Amino acid sequence: MKDRKVGGLGEMDIPLLADPTHAISRSYGALIEDPDDEACGVTMRATYIIDPNGVLRHMHCNDLPVGRNVPEVLRLVQAF
C-alpha cells in the first residue's frame, strides 16, 4: 500500500486486480496491438468499474502519456 499523500491509493476497501496476461485489456480494447506501433503489447492506462453483478458501469482509457485521476475514480466508485 502506498499512502495517498505520496501518490498512492491509500487503504482500499474495494477489489483491484492486475492483468499480466493482457486478457482483460485486450477484451476491453485497451491493449496496443498494432505491430507498427513501438508500444505494441503495452496496455493504455485504463480503469474499469464493474458492479457486483458483473456489469461494466464505467470504462476510461487514456493514451500512455496521460495518467489517471485517483480522486475522480474514487468519486465514480462511490457514485455507482
Protein backbone atom coordinates (compact mmCIF):
# COMPACT_ATOMS: atom_id res chain seq x y z
CA MET A 1 0.00 0.00 0.00
CA LYS A 2 1.26 3.45 -0.93
CA ASP A 3 -0.04 6.41 1.06
CA ARG A 4 -2.29 8.86 -0.81
CA LYS A 5 -0.05 11.76 0.27
CA VAL A 6 2.74 10.32 -1.91
CA GLY A 7 0.63 9.42 -4.95
CA GLY A 8 -0.81 6.08 -3.88
CA LEU A 9 -4.37 4.97 -3.26
CA GLY A 10 -4.07 4.50 0.49
CA GLU A 11 -6.29 1.98 2.27
CA MET A 12 -8.77 0.47 -0.19
CA ASP A 13 -11.91 -1.46 0.64
CA ILE A 14 -12.66 -2.37 -2.98
CA PRO A 15 -11.24 -5.19 -5.09
CA LEU A 16 -8.45 -4.39 -7.54
CA LEU A 17 -6.77 -6.73 -9.99
CA ALA A 18 -3.84 -6.89 -12.36
CA ASP A 19 -3.82 -8.10 -15.97
CA PRO A 20 -0.41 -9.72 -16.58
CA THR A 21 -1.70 -11.84 -19.49
CA HIS A 22 -3.40 -8.82 -21.15
CA ALA A 23 -6.66 -10.80 -21.41
CA ILE A 24 -8.73 -8.00 -19.87
CA SER A 25 -7.03 -5.14 -21.71
CA ARG A 26 -7.43 -7.00 -25.00
CA SER A 27 -11.12 -7.75 -24.30
CA TYR A 28 -11.87 -4.11 -23.48
CA GLY A 29 -9.82 -2.61 -26.31
CA ALA A 30 -7.07 -1.05 -24.19
CA LEU A 31 -4.16 -3.16 -25.45
CA ILE A 32 -1.99 -1.61 -28.15
CA GLU A 33 -1.73 -4.39 -30.73
CA ASP A 34 -0.55 -2.54 -33.83
CA PRO A 35 2.75 -4.23 -34.79
CA ASP A 36 3.93 -0.95 -36.36
CA ASP A 37 3.49 0.88 -33.04
CA GLU A 38 6.59 0.90 -30.83
CA ALA A 39 4.23 0.46 -27.85
CA CYS A 40 2.80 -2.80 -29.26
CA GLY A 41 1.96 -5.12 -26.37
CA VAL A 42 1.56 -2.28 -23.88
CA THR A 43 -1.78 -1.56 -22.21
CA MET A 44 -3.06 2.00 -22.22
CA ARG A 45 -3.90 3.44 -18.81
CA ALA A 46 -7.39 2.13 -18.27
CA THR A 47 -9.85 1.93 -15.41
CA TYR A 48 -12.92 -0.30 -15.36
CA ILE A 49 -15.65 -0.13 -12.75
CA ILE A 50 -17.64 -3.35 -12.76
CA ASP A 51 -20.55 -3.79 -10.36
CA PRO A 52 -21.12 -6.90 -8.21
CA ASN A 53 -23.39 -8.33 -10.94
CA GLY A 54 -20.56 -8.21 -13.48
CA VAL A 55 -21.98 -5.21 -15.35
CA LEU A 56 -19.42 -2.76 -16.70
CA ARG A 57 -20.54 0.57 -15.25
CA HIS A 58 -17.63 2.74 -16.35
CA MET A 59 -14.60 2.44 -18.62
CA HIS A 60 -11.96 5.09 -19.02
CA CYS A 61 -8.90 4.66 -21.23
CA ASN A 62 -6.05 7.16 -21.66
CA ASP A 63 -3.11 7.10 -24.06
CA LEU A 64 0.23 6.27 -22.45
CA PRO A 65 1.42 9.80 -21.55
CA VAL A 66 -1.76 10.58 -19.61
CA GLY A 67 -2.34 9.20 -16.11
CA ARG A 68 -5.49 8.66 -14.11
CA ASN A 69 -7.20 10.99 -11.67
CA VAL A 70 -7.50 8.92 -8.47
CA PRO A 71 -9.96 11.25 -6.70
CA GLU A 72 -12.23 11.07 -9.77
CA VAL A 73 -12.05 7.27 -9.87
CA LEU A 74 -12.92 7.10 -6.17
CA ARG A 75 -15.81 9.53 -6.73
CA LEU A 76 -17.16 7.30 -9.50
CA VAL A 77 -16.86 4.15 -7.39
CA GLN A 78 -18.82 5.84 -4.61
CA ALA A 79 -21.41 7.11 -7.09
CA PHE A 80 -22.00 3.65 -8.55
